[in-house]
Amino acid sequence: MRNDSAENQNALTVTPMGVLYSLPFFILLCCAAAYYKAAEIENTSGILWSAMSAGIFVITWFVFRWGIPGDLLGQAALLAGITLYRGIRDYKKST
């Protein structure tokens, strides 16, 4: 029986900075920056939105181990959740 998580961990620690030089970490930073800028456009807390993005990404990356497609799916789900929440909130405010 193979221990895939141990092999995956060894593959990530080949570089001196470990996971910081991986493609998923780069994507995490890009997504967090995109959510930060989107929050600035919406005049809300950029720190909160980028923290939610990073949190969802870390959960899908390390906890669920879904890989890059799963990480991006988590970001899409976050976008859908934020959009739905803001739409419902604005609708209730207008009525």
PDB file of N, CA and C in Angstrom:
ATOM      1  N   MET A   1       0.846  -1.180   0.000  1.00  0.00           N
ATOM      2  CA  MET A   1       0.000   0.000   0.000  1.00  0.00           C
ATOM      3  C   MET A   1       0.887   1.237   0.000  1.00  0.00           C
ATOM      4  N   ARG A   2       0.641   2.114  -0.964  1.00  0.00           N
ATOM      5  CA  ARG A   2       1.446   3.323  -1.080  1.00  0.00           C
ATOM      6  C   ARG A   2       0.903   4.428  -0.190  1.00  0.00           C
ATOM      7  N   ASN A   3       1.807   5.242   0.261  1.00  0.00           N
ATOM      8  CA  ASN A   3       1.415   6.402   1.038  1.00  0.00           C
ATOM      9  C   ASN A   3       1.570   7.635   0.148  1.00  0.00           C
ATOM     10  N   ASP A   4       0.487   7.967  -0.579  1.00  0.00           N
ATOM     11  CA  ASP A   4       0.550   9.067  -1.537  1.00  0.00           C
ATOM     12  C   ASP A   4       0.812  10.401  -0.867  1.00  0.00           C
ATOM     13  N   SER A   5       0.253  10.597   0.326  1.00  0.00           N
ATOM     14  CA  SER A   5       0.453  11.886   0.974  1.00  0.00           C
ATOM     15  C   SER A   5       1.912  12.085   1.368  1.00  0.00           C
ATOM     16  N   ALA A   6       2.601  11.019   1.758  1.00  0.00           N
ATOM     17  CA  ALA A   6       4.018  11.143   2.097  1.00  0.00           C
ATOM     18  C   ALA A   6       4.833  11.447   0.843  1.00  0.00           C
ATOM     19  N   GLU A   7       4.500  10.798  -0.272  1.00  0.00           N
ATOM     20  CA  GLU A   7       5.197  11.089  -1.529  1.00  0.00           C
ATOM     21  C   GLU A   7       4.933  12.510  -1.981  1.00  0.00           C
ATOM     22  N   ASN A   8       3.682  12.953  -1.837  1.00  0.00           N
ATOM     23  CA  ASN A   8       3.329  14.313  -2.217  1.00  0.00           C
ATOM     24  C   ASN A   8       4.077  15.311  -1.336  1.00  0.00           C
ATOM     25  N   GLN A   9       4.164  15.038  -0.052  1.00  0.00           N
ATOM     26  CA  GLN A   9       4.866  15.921   0.868  1.00  0.00           C
ATOM     27  C   GLN A   9       6.350  15.975   0.514  1.00  0.00           C
ATOM     28  N   ASN A  10       6.945  14.835   0.183  1.00  0.00           N
ATOM     29  CA  ASN A  10       8.355  14.820  -0.195  1.00  0.00           C
ATOM     30  C   ASN A  10       8.583  15.597  -1.485  1.00  0.00           C
ATOM     31  N   ALA A  11       7.648  15.528  -2.412  1.00  0.00           N
ATOM     32  CA  ALA A  11       7.790  16.259  -3.669  1.00  0.00           C
ATOM     33  C   ALA A  11       7.732  17.766  -3.431  1.00  0.00           C
ATOM     34  N   LEU A  12       6.944  18.192  -2.441  1.00  0.00           N
ATOM     35  CA  LEU A  12       6.824  19.612  -2.171  1.00  0.00           C
ATOM     36  C   LEU A  12       8.014  20.164  -1.403  1.00  0.00           C
ATOM     37  N   THR A  13       8.749  19.322  -0.711  1.00  0.00           N
ATOM     38  CA  THR A  13       9.857  19.809   0.104  1.00  0.00           C
ATOM     39  C   THR A  13      11.202  19.683  -0.604  1.00  0.00           C
ATOM     40  N   VAL A  14      11.201  19.415  -1.889  1.00  0.00           N
ATOM     41  CA  VAL A  14      12.446  19.323  -2.639  1.00  0.00           C
ATOM     42  C   VAL A  14      13.118  20.693  -2.713  1.00  0.00           C
ATOM     43  N   THR A  15      12.325  21.732  -2.859  1.00  0.00           N
ATOM     44  CA  THR A  15      12.869  23.087  -2.915  1.00  0.00           C
ATOM     45  C   THR A  15      13.071  23.619  -1.498  1.00  0.00           C
ATOM     46  N   PRO A  16      13.945  24.586  -1.328  1.00  0.00           N
ATOM     47  CA  PRO A  16      14.189  25.118   0.011  1.00  0.00           C
ATOM     48  C   PRO A  16      12.949  25.739   0.654  1.00  0.00           C
ATOM     49  N   MET A  17      12.094  26.330  -0.139  1.00  0.00           N
ATOM     50  CA  MET A  17      10.895  26.968   0.405  1.00  0.00           C
ATOM     51  C   MET A  17       9.682  26.045   0.383  1.00  0.00           C
ATOM     52  N   GLY A  18       9.843  24.805  -0.040  1.00  0.00           N
ATOM     53  CA  GLY A  18       8.759  23.820  -0.009  1.00  0.00           C
ATOM     54  C   GLY A  18       7.578  24.230  -0.852  1.00  0.00           C
ATOM     55  N   VAL A  19       6.439  24.323  -0.216  1.00  0.00           N
ATOM     56  CA  VAL A  19       5.174  24.558  -0.901  1.00  0.00           C
ATOM     57  C   VAL A  19       5.093  25.966  -1.506  1.00  0.00           C
ATOM     58  N   LEU A  20       5.941  26.887  -1.074  1.00  0.00           N
ATOM     59  CA  LEU A  20       5.884  28.255  -1.581  1.00  0.00           C
ATOM     60  C   LEU A  20       6.297  28.374  -3.043  1.00  0.00           C
ATOM     61  N   TYR A  21       6.955  27.372  -3.581  1.00  0.00           N
ATOM     62  CA  TYR A  21       7.357  27.384  -4.982  1.00  0.00           C
ATOM     63  C   TYR A  21       6.477  26.490  -5.850  1.00  0.00           C
ATOM     64  N   SER A  22       5.275  26.218  -5.411  1.00  0.00           N
ATOM     65  CA  SER A  22       4.395  25.337  -6.180  1.00  0.00           C
ATOM     66  C   SER A  22       3.376  26.158  -6.969  1.00  0.00           C
ATOM     67  N   LEU A  23       2.849  25.560  -8.005  1.00  0.00           N
ATOM     68  CA  LEU A  23       1.826  26.207  -8.824  1.00  0.00           C
ATOM     69  C   LEU A  23       0.558  26.512  -8.031  1.00  0.00           C
ATOM     70  N   PRO A  24       0.070  25.590  -7.187  1.00  0.00           N
ATOM     71  CA  PRO A  24      -1.129  25.929  -6.412  1.00  0.00           C
ATOM     72  C   PRO A  24      -0.936  27.156  -5.507  1.00  0.00           C
ATOM     73  N   PHE A  25       0.245  27.331  -4.945  1.00  0.00           N
ATOM     74  CA  PHE A  25       0.479  28.505  -4.102  1.00  0.00           C
ATOM     75  C   PHE A  25       0.434  29.782  -4.937  1.00  0.00           C
ATOM     76  N   PHE A  26       0.988  29.740  -6.135  1.00  0.00           N
ATOM     77  CA  PHE A  26       0.924  30.891  -7.038  1.00  0.00           C
ATOM     78  C   PHE A  26      -0.530  31.209  -7.390  1.00  0.00           C
ATOM     79  N   ILE A  27      -1.323  30.183  -7.656  1.00  0.00           N
ATOM     80  CA  ILE A  27      -2.740  30.383  -7.967  1.00  0.00           C
ATOM     81  C   ILE A  27      -3.472  30.951  -6.758  1.00  0.00           C
ATOM     82  N   LEU A  28      -3.132  30.482  -5.559  1.00  0.00           N
ATOM     83  CA  LEU A  28      -3.730  31.012  -4.336  1.00  0.00           C
ATOM     84  C   LEU A  28      -3.484  32.508  -4.234  1.00  0.00           C
ATOM     85  N   LEU A  29      -2.244  32.935  -4.467  1.00  0.00           N
ATOM     86  CA  LEU A  29      -1.923  34.360  -4.389  1.00  0.00           C
ATOM     87  C   LEU A  29      -2.677  35.165  -5.444  1.00  0.00           C
ATOM     88  N   CYS A  30      -2.786  34.622  -6.648  1.00  0.00           N
ATOM     89  CA  CYS A  30      -3.521  35.308  -7.716  1.00  0.00           C
ATOM     90  C   CYS A  30      -4.998  35.454  -7.370  1.00  0.00           C
ATOM     91  N   CYS A  31      -5.595  34.393  -6.848  1.00  0.00           N
ATOM     92  CA  CYS A  31      -7.014  34.439  -6.476  1.00  0.00           C
ATOM     93  C   CYS A  31      -7.248  35.427  -5.331  1.00  0.00           C
ATOM     94  N   ALA A  32      -6.377  35.401  -4.327  1.00  0.00           N
ATOM     95  CA  ALA A  32      -6.521  36.321  -3.196  1.00  0.00           C
ATOM     96  C   ALA A  32      -6.380  37.765  -3.661  1.00  0.00           C
ATOM     97  N   ALA A  33      -5.438  38.029  -4.554  1.00  0.00           N
ATOM     98  CA  ALA A  33      -5.270  39.387  -5.080  1.00  0.00           C
ATOM     99  C   ALA A  33      -6.482  39.814  -5.903  1.00  0.00           C
ATOM    100  N   ALA A  34      -7.030  38.895  -6.686  1.00  0.00           N
ATOM    101  CA  ALA A  34      -8.211  39.215  -7.493  1.00  0.00           C
ATOM    102  C   ALA A  34      -9.411  39.536  -6.604  1.00  0.00           C
ATOM    103  N   TYR A  35      -9.609  38.748  -5.547  1.00  0.00           N
ATOM    104  CA  TYR A  35     -10.714  39.026  -4.626  1.00  0.00           C
ATOM    105  C   TYR A  35     -10.490  40.341  -3.881  1.00  0.00           C
ATOM    106  N   TYR A  36      -9.251  40.665  -3.557  1.00  0.00           N
ATOM    107  CA  TYR A  36      -8.956  41.928  -2.887  1.00  0.00           C
ATOM    108  C   TYR A  36      -9.342  43.105  -3.785  1.00  0.00           C
ATOM    109  N   LYS A  37      -8.948  43.037  -5.057  1.00  0.00           N
ATOM    110  CA  LYS A  37      -9.282  44.117  -5.984  1.00  0.00           C
ATOM    111  C   LYS A  37     -10.790  44.191  -6.227  1.00  0.00           C
ATOM    112  N   ALA A  38     -11.452  43.038  -6.312  1.00  0.00           N
ATOM    113  CA  ALA A  38     -12.902  43.031  -6.500  1.00  0.00           C
ATOM    114  C   ALA A  38     -13.610  43.665  -5.304  1.00  0.00           C
ATOM    115  N   ALA A  39     -13.098  43.416  -4.115  1.00  0.00           N
ATOM    116  CA  ALA A  39     -13.693  44.013  -2.919  1.00  0.00           C
ATOM    117  C   ALA A  39     -13.488  45.519  -2.912  1.00  0.00           C
ATOM    118  N   GLU A  40     -12.341  45.974  -3.368  1.00  0.00           N
ATOM    119  CA  GLU A  40     -12.113  47.420  -3.454  1.00  0.00           C
ATOM    120  C   GLU A  40     -13.096  48.067  -4.425  1.00  0.00           C
ATOM    121  N   ILE A  41     -13.367  47.411  -5.536  1.00  0.00           N
ATOM    122  CA  ILE A  41     -14.325  47.933  -6.509  1.00  0.00           C
ATOM    123  C   ILE A  41     -15.719  48.005  -5.902  1.00  0.00           C
ATOM    124  N   GLU A  42     -16.060  47.008  -5.081  1.00  0.00           N
ATOM    125  CA  GLU A  42     -17.371  46.956  -4.436  1.00  0.00           C
ATOM    126  C   GLU A  42     -17.445  47.780  -3.153  1.00  0.00           C
ATOM    127  N   ASN A  43     -16.358  48.453  -2.795  1.00  0.00           N
ATOM    128  CA  ASN A  43     -16.277  49.267  -1.576  1.00  0.00           C
ATOM    129  C   ASN A  43     -16.549  48.456  -0.304  1.00  0.00           C
ATOM    130  N   THR A  44     -15.970  47.256  -0.246  1.00  0.00           N
ATOM    131  CA  THR A  44     -16.057  46.430   0.953  1.00  0.00           C
ATOM    132  C   THR A  44     -14.641  46.083   1.405  1.00  0.00           C
ATOM    133  N   SER A  45     -14.542  45.288   2.433  1.00  0.00           N
ATOM    134  CA  SER A  45     -13.245  44.949   3.012  1.00  0.00           C
ATOM    135  C   SER A  45     -12.472  43.988   2.101  1.00  0.00           C
ATOM    136  N   GLY A  46     -11.377  44.469   1.562  1.00  0.00           N
ATOM    137  CA  GLY A  46     -10.534  43.634   0.718  1.00  0.00           C
ATOM    138  C   GLY A  46      -9.841  42.540   1.501  1.00  0.00           C
ATOM    139  N   ILE A  47      -9.488  42.843   2.745  1.00  0.00           N
ATOM    140  CA  ILE A  47      -8.835  41.852   3.604  1.00  0.00           C
ATOM    141  C   ILE A  47      -9.777  40.677   3.855  1.00  0.00           C
ATOM    142  N   LEU A  48     -11.049  40.964   4.122  1.00  0.00           N
ATOM    143  CA  LEU A  48     -12.023  39.900   4.385  1.00  0.00           C
ATOM    144  C   LEU A  48     -12.202  39.005   3.162  1.00  0.00           C
ATOM    145  N   TRP A  49     -12.391  39.604   1.998  1.00  0.00           N
ATOM    146  CA  TRP A  49     -12.603  38.817   0.780  1.00  0.00           C
ATOM    147  C   TRP A  49     -11.371  38.001   0.427  1.00  0.00           C
ATOM    148  N   SER A  50     -10.183  38.586   0.539  1.00  0.00           N
ATOM    149  CA  SER A  50      -8.975  37.821   0.211  1.00  0.00           C
ATOM    150  C   SER A  50      -8.724  36.736   1.243  1.00  0.00           C
ATOM    151  N   ALA A  51      -9.063  36.984   2.506  1.00  0.00           N
ATOM    152  CA  ALA A  51      -8.924  35.944   3.535  1.00  0.00           C
ATOM    153  C   ALA A  51      -9.892  34.793   3.279  1.00  0.00           C
ATOM    154  N   MET A  52     -11.123  35.112   2.856  1.00  0.00           N
ATOM    155  CA  MET A  52     -12.070  34.043   2.512  1.00  0.00           C
ATOM    156  C   MET A  52     -11.554  33.229   1.340  1.00  0.00           C
ATOM    157  N   SER A  53     -11.000  33.912   0.349  1.00  0.00           N
ATOM    158  CA  SER A  53     -10.451  33.229  -0.819  1.00  0.00           C
ATOM    159  C   SER A  53      -9.302  32.303  -0.417  1.00  0.00           C
ATOM    160  N   ALA A  54      -8.380  32.824   0.370  1.00  0.00           N
ATOM    161  CA  ALA A  54      -7.241  32.012   0.811  1.00  0.00           C
ATOM    162  C   ALA A  54      -7.711  30.849   1.680  1.00  0.00           C
ATOM    163  N   GLY A  55      -8.688  31.097   2.535  1.00  0.00           N
ATOM    164  CA  GLY A  55      -9.214  30.033   3.392  1.00  0.00           C
ATOM    165  C   GLY A  55      -9.847  28.902   2.592  1.00  0.00           C
ATOM    166  N   ILE A  56     -10.684  29.256   1.624  1.00  0.00           N
ATOM    167  CA  ILE A  56     -11.311  28.247   0.767  1.00  0.00           C
ATOM    168  C   ILE A  56     -10.245  27.487  -0.013  1.00  0.00           C
ATOM    169  N   PHE A  57      -9.257  28.207  -0.508  1.00  0.00           N
ATOM    170  CA  PHE A  57      -8.198  27.557  -1.284  1.00  0.00           C
ATOM    171  C   PHE A  57      -7.411  26.582  -0.425  1.00  0.00           C
ATOM    172  N   VAL A  58      -7.070  26.974   0.789  1.00  0.00           N
ATOM    173  CA  VAL A  58      -6.304  26.093   1.683  1.00  0.00           C
ATOM    174  C   VAL A  58      -7.124  24.854   2.038  1.00  0.00           C
ATOM    175  N   ILE A  59      -8.422  25.049   2.258  1.00  0.00           N
ATOM    176  CA  ILE A  59      -9.283  23.899   2.592  1.00  0.00           C
ATOM    177  C   ILE A  59      -9.336  22.921   1.419  1.00  0.00           C
ATOM    178  N   THR A  60      -9.540  23.435   0.202  1.00  0.00           N
ATOM    179  CA  THR A  60      -9.627  22.520  -0.939  1.00  0.00           C
ATOM    180  C   THR A  60      -8.266  21.928  -1.297  1.00  0.00           C
ATOM    181  N   TRP A  61      -7.188  22.635  -0.990  1.00  0.00           N
ATOM    182  CA  TRP A  61      -5.837  22.164  -1.330  1.00  0.00           C
ATOM    183  C   TRP A  61      -5.320  21.158  -0.316  1.00  0.00           C
ATOM    184  N   PHE A  62      -5.363  21.495   0.967  1.00  0.00           N
ATOM    185  CA  PHE A  62      -4.749  20.648   1.981  1.00  0.00           C
ATOM    186  C   PHE A  62      -5.714  19.671   2.647  1.00  0.00           C
ATOM    187  N   VAL A  63      -6.952  20.100   2.895  1.00  0.00           N
ATOM    188  CA  VAL A  63      -7.897  19.231   3.606  1.00  0.00           C
ATOM    189  C   VAL A  63      -8.527  18.227   2.651  1.00  0.00           C
ATOM    190  N   PHE A  64      -9.138  18.726   1.571  1.00  0.00           N
ATOM    191  CA  PHE A  64      -9.814  17.832   0.633  1.00  0.00           C
ATOM    192  C   PHE A  64      -8.880  17.225  -0.397  1.00  0.00           C
ATOM    193  N   ARG A  65      -7.730  17.861  -0.653  1.00  0.00           N
ATOM    194  CA  ARG A  65      -6.748  17.409  -1.649  1.00  0.00           C
ATOM    195  C   ARG A  65      -7.386  17.204  -3.022  1.00  0.00           C
ATOM    196  N   TRP A  66      -8.130  18.216  -3.463  1.00  0.00           N
ATOM    197  CA  TRP A  66      -8.832  18.139  -4.733  1.00  0.00           C
ATOM    198  C   TRP A  66      -7.957  18.503  -5.914  1.00  0.00           C
ATOM    199  N   GLY A  67      -6.793  19.054  -5.683  1.00  0.00           N
ATOM    200  CA  GLY A  67      -5.929  19.460  -6.783  1.00  0.00           C
ATOM    201  C   GLY A  67      -6.328  20.816  -7.326  1.00  0.00           C
ATOM    202  N   ILE A  68      -5.669  21.222  -8.377  1.00  0.00           N
ATOM    203  CA  ILE A  68      -5.900  22.554  -8.942  1.00  0.00           C
ATOM    204  C   ILE A  68      -7.335  22.729  -9.458  1.00  0.00           C
ATOM    205  N   PRO A  69      -7.925  21.755 -10.163  1.00  0.00           N
ATOM    206  CA  PRO A  69      -9.321  21.951 -10.591  1.00  0.00           C
ATOM    207  C   PRO A  69     -10.275  22.132  -9.403  1.00  0.00           C
ATOM    208  N   GLY A  70     -10.052  21.395  -8.341  1.00  0.00           N
ATOM    209  CA  GLY A  70     -10.888  21.547  -7.160  1.00  0.00           C
ATOM    210  C   GLY A  70     -10.682  22.881  -6.469  1.00  0.00           C
ATOM    211  N   ASP A  71      -9.432  23.350  -6.467  1.00  0.00           N
ATOM    212  CA  ASP A  71      -9.148  24.662  -5.881  1.00  0.00           C
ATOM    213  C   ASP A  71      -9.883  25.759  -6.642  1.00  0.00           C
ATOM    214  N   LEU A  72      -9.847  25.681  -7.957  1.00  0.00           N
ATOM    215  CA  LEU A  72     -10.541  26.678  -8.778  1.00  0.00           C
ATOM    216  C   LEU A  72     -12.053  26.548  -8.646  1.00  0.00           C
ATOM    217  N   LEU A  73     -12.537  25.326  -8.480  1.00  0.00           N
ATOM    218  CA  LEU A  73     -13.970  25.119  -8.242  1.00  0.00           C
ATOM    219  C   LEU A  73     -14.382  25.754  -6.913  1.00  0.00           C
ATOM    220  N   GLY A  74     -13.535  25.645  -5.910  1.00  0.00           N
ATOM    221  CA  GLY A  74     -13.803  26.301  -4.634  1.00  0.00           C
ATOM    222  C   GLY A  74     -13.869  27.811  -4.772  1.00  0.00           C
ATOM    223  N   GLN A  75     -12.988  28.378  -5.600  1.00  0.00           N
ATOM    224  CA  GLN A  75     -13.012  29.821  -5.841  1.00  0.00           C
ATOM    225  C   GLN A  75     -14.289  30.226  -6.581  1.00  0.00           C
ATOM    226  N   ALA A  76     -14.712  29.411  -7.522  1.00  0.00           N
ATOM    227  CA  ALA A  76     -15.964  29.690  -8.243  1.00  0.00           C
ATOM    228  C   ALA A  76     -17.154  29.608  -7.296  1.00  0.00           C
ATOM    229  N   ALA A  77     -17.134  28.640  -6.377  1.00  0.00           N
ATOM    230  CA  ALA A  77     -18.215  28.516  -5.393  1.00  0.00           C
ATOM    231  C   ALA A  77     -18.232  29.736  -4.466  1.00  0.00           C
ATOM    232  N   LEU A  78     -17.057  30.224  -4.087  1.00  0.00           N
ATOM    233  CA  LEU A  78     -16.986  31.429  -3.258  1.00  0.00           C
ATOM    234  C   LEU A  78     -17.563  32.626  -4.013  1.00  0.00           C
ATOM    235  N   LEU A  79     -17.204  32.768  -5.269  1.00  0.00           N
ATOM    236  CA  LEU A  79     -17.747  33.861  -6.079  1.00  0.00           C
ATOM    237  C   LEU A  79     -19.271  33.760  -6.171  1.00  0.00           C
ATOM    238  N   ALA A  80     -19.783  32.560  -6.387  1.00  0.00           N
ATOM    239  CA  ALA A  80     -21.239  32.363  -6.459  1.00  0.00           C
ATOM    240  C   ALA A  80     -21.889  32.705  -5.121  1.00  0.00           C
ATOM    241  N   GLY A  81     -21.259  32.307  -4.030  1.00  0.00           N
ATOM    242  CA  GLY A  81     -21.805  32.610  -2.703  1.00  0.00           C
ATOM    243  C   GLY A  81     -21.826  34.094  -2.409  1.00  0.00           C
ATOM    244  N   ILE A  82     -20.751  34.782  -2.730  1.00  0.00           N
ATOM    245  CA  ILE A  82     -20.699  36.235  -2.509  1.00  0.00           C
ATOM    246  C   ILE A  82     -21.744  36.934  -3.378  1.00  0.00           C
ATOM    247  N   THR A  83     -21.841  36.509  -4.634  1.00  0.00           N
ATOM    248  CA  THR A  83     -22.807  37.118  -5.556  1.00  0.00           C
ATOM    249  C   THR A  83     -24.234  36.895  -5.075  1.00  0.00           C
ATOM    250  N   LEU A  84     -24.542  35.678  -4.657  1.00  0.00           N
ATOM    251  CA  LEU A  84     -25.883  35.356  -4.166  1.00  0.00           C
ATOM    252  C   LEU A  84     -26.205  36.152  -2.907  1.00  0.00           C
ATOM    253  N   TYR A  85     -25.264  36.216  -1.967  1.00  0.00           N
ATOM    254  CA  TYR A  85     -25.482  36.963  -0.733  1.00  0.00           C
ATOM    255  C   TYR A  85     -25.731  38.441  -1.012  1.00  0.00           C
ATOM    256  N   ARG A  86     -24.891  39.025  -1.863  1.00  0.00           N
ATOM    257  CA  ARG A  86     -25.033  40.452  -2.156  1.00  0.00           C
ATOM    258  C   ARG A  86     -26.313  40.726  -2.939  1.00  0.00           C
ATOM    259  N   GLY A  87     -26.713  39.820  -3.830  1.00  0.00           N
ATOM    260  CA  GLY A  87     -27.954  39.983  -4.575  1.00  0.00           C
ATOM    261  C   GLY A  87     -29.173  39.936  -3.666  1.00  0.00           C
ATOM    262  N   ILE A  88     -29.204  38.977  -2.755  1.00  0.00           N
ATOM    263  CA  ILE A  88     -30.323  38.865  -1.819  1.00  0.00           C
ATOM    264  C   ILE A  88     -30.361  40.070  -0.886  1.00  0.00           C
ATOM    265  N   ARG A  89     -29.194  40.484  -0.420  1.00  0.00           N
ATOM    266  CA  ARG A  89     -29.119  41.640   0.489  1.00  0.00           C
ATOM    267  C   ARG A  89     -29.616  42.905  -0.206  1.00  0.00           C
ATOM    268  N   ASP A  90     -29.203  43.129  -1.433  1.00  0.00           N
ATOM    269  CA  ASP A  90     -29.629  44.319  -2.172  1.00  0.00           C
ATOM    270  C   ASP A  90     -31.116  44.268  -2.506  1.00  0.00           C
ATOM    271  N   TYR A  91     -31.629  43.071  -2.800  1.00  0.00           N
ATOM    272  CA  TYR A  91     -33.053  42.926  -3.091  1.00  0.00           C
ATOM    273  C   TYR A  91     -33.892  43.258  -1.854  1.00  0.00           C
ATOM    274  N   LYS A  92     -33.479  42.745  -0.686  1.00  0.00           N
ATOM    275  CA  LYS A  92     -34.218  43.034   0.539  1.00  0.00           C
ATOM    276  C   LYS A  92     -34.129  44.512   0.917  1.00  0.00           C
ATOM    277  N   LYS A  93     -32.985  45.123   0.616  1.00  0.00           N
ATOM    278  CA  LYS A  93     -32.807  46.538   0.920  1.00  0.00           C
ATOM    279  C   LYS A  93     -33.722  47.410   0.049  1.00  0.00           C
ATOM    280  N   SER A  94     -33.934  46.980  -1.203  1.00  0.00           N
ATOM    281  CA  SER A  94     -34.735  47.779  -2.123  1.00  0.00           C
ATOM    282  C   SER A  94     -36.239  47.607  -1.913  1.00  0.00           C
ATOM    283  N   THR A  95     -36.648  46.566  -1.209  1.00  0.00           N
ATOM    284  CA  THR A  95     -38.097  46.359  -0.995  1.00  0.00           C
ATOM    285  C   THR A  95     -38.542  46.802   0.353  1.00  0.00           C
TER     286      THR A  95
END
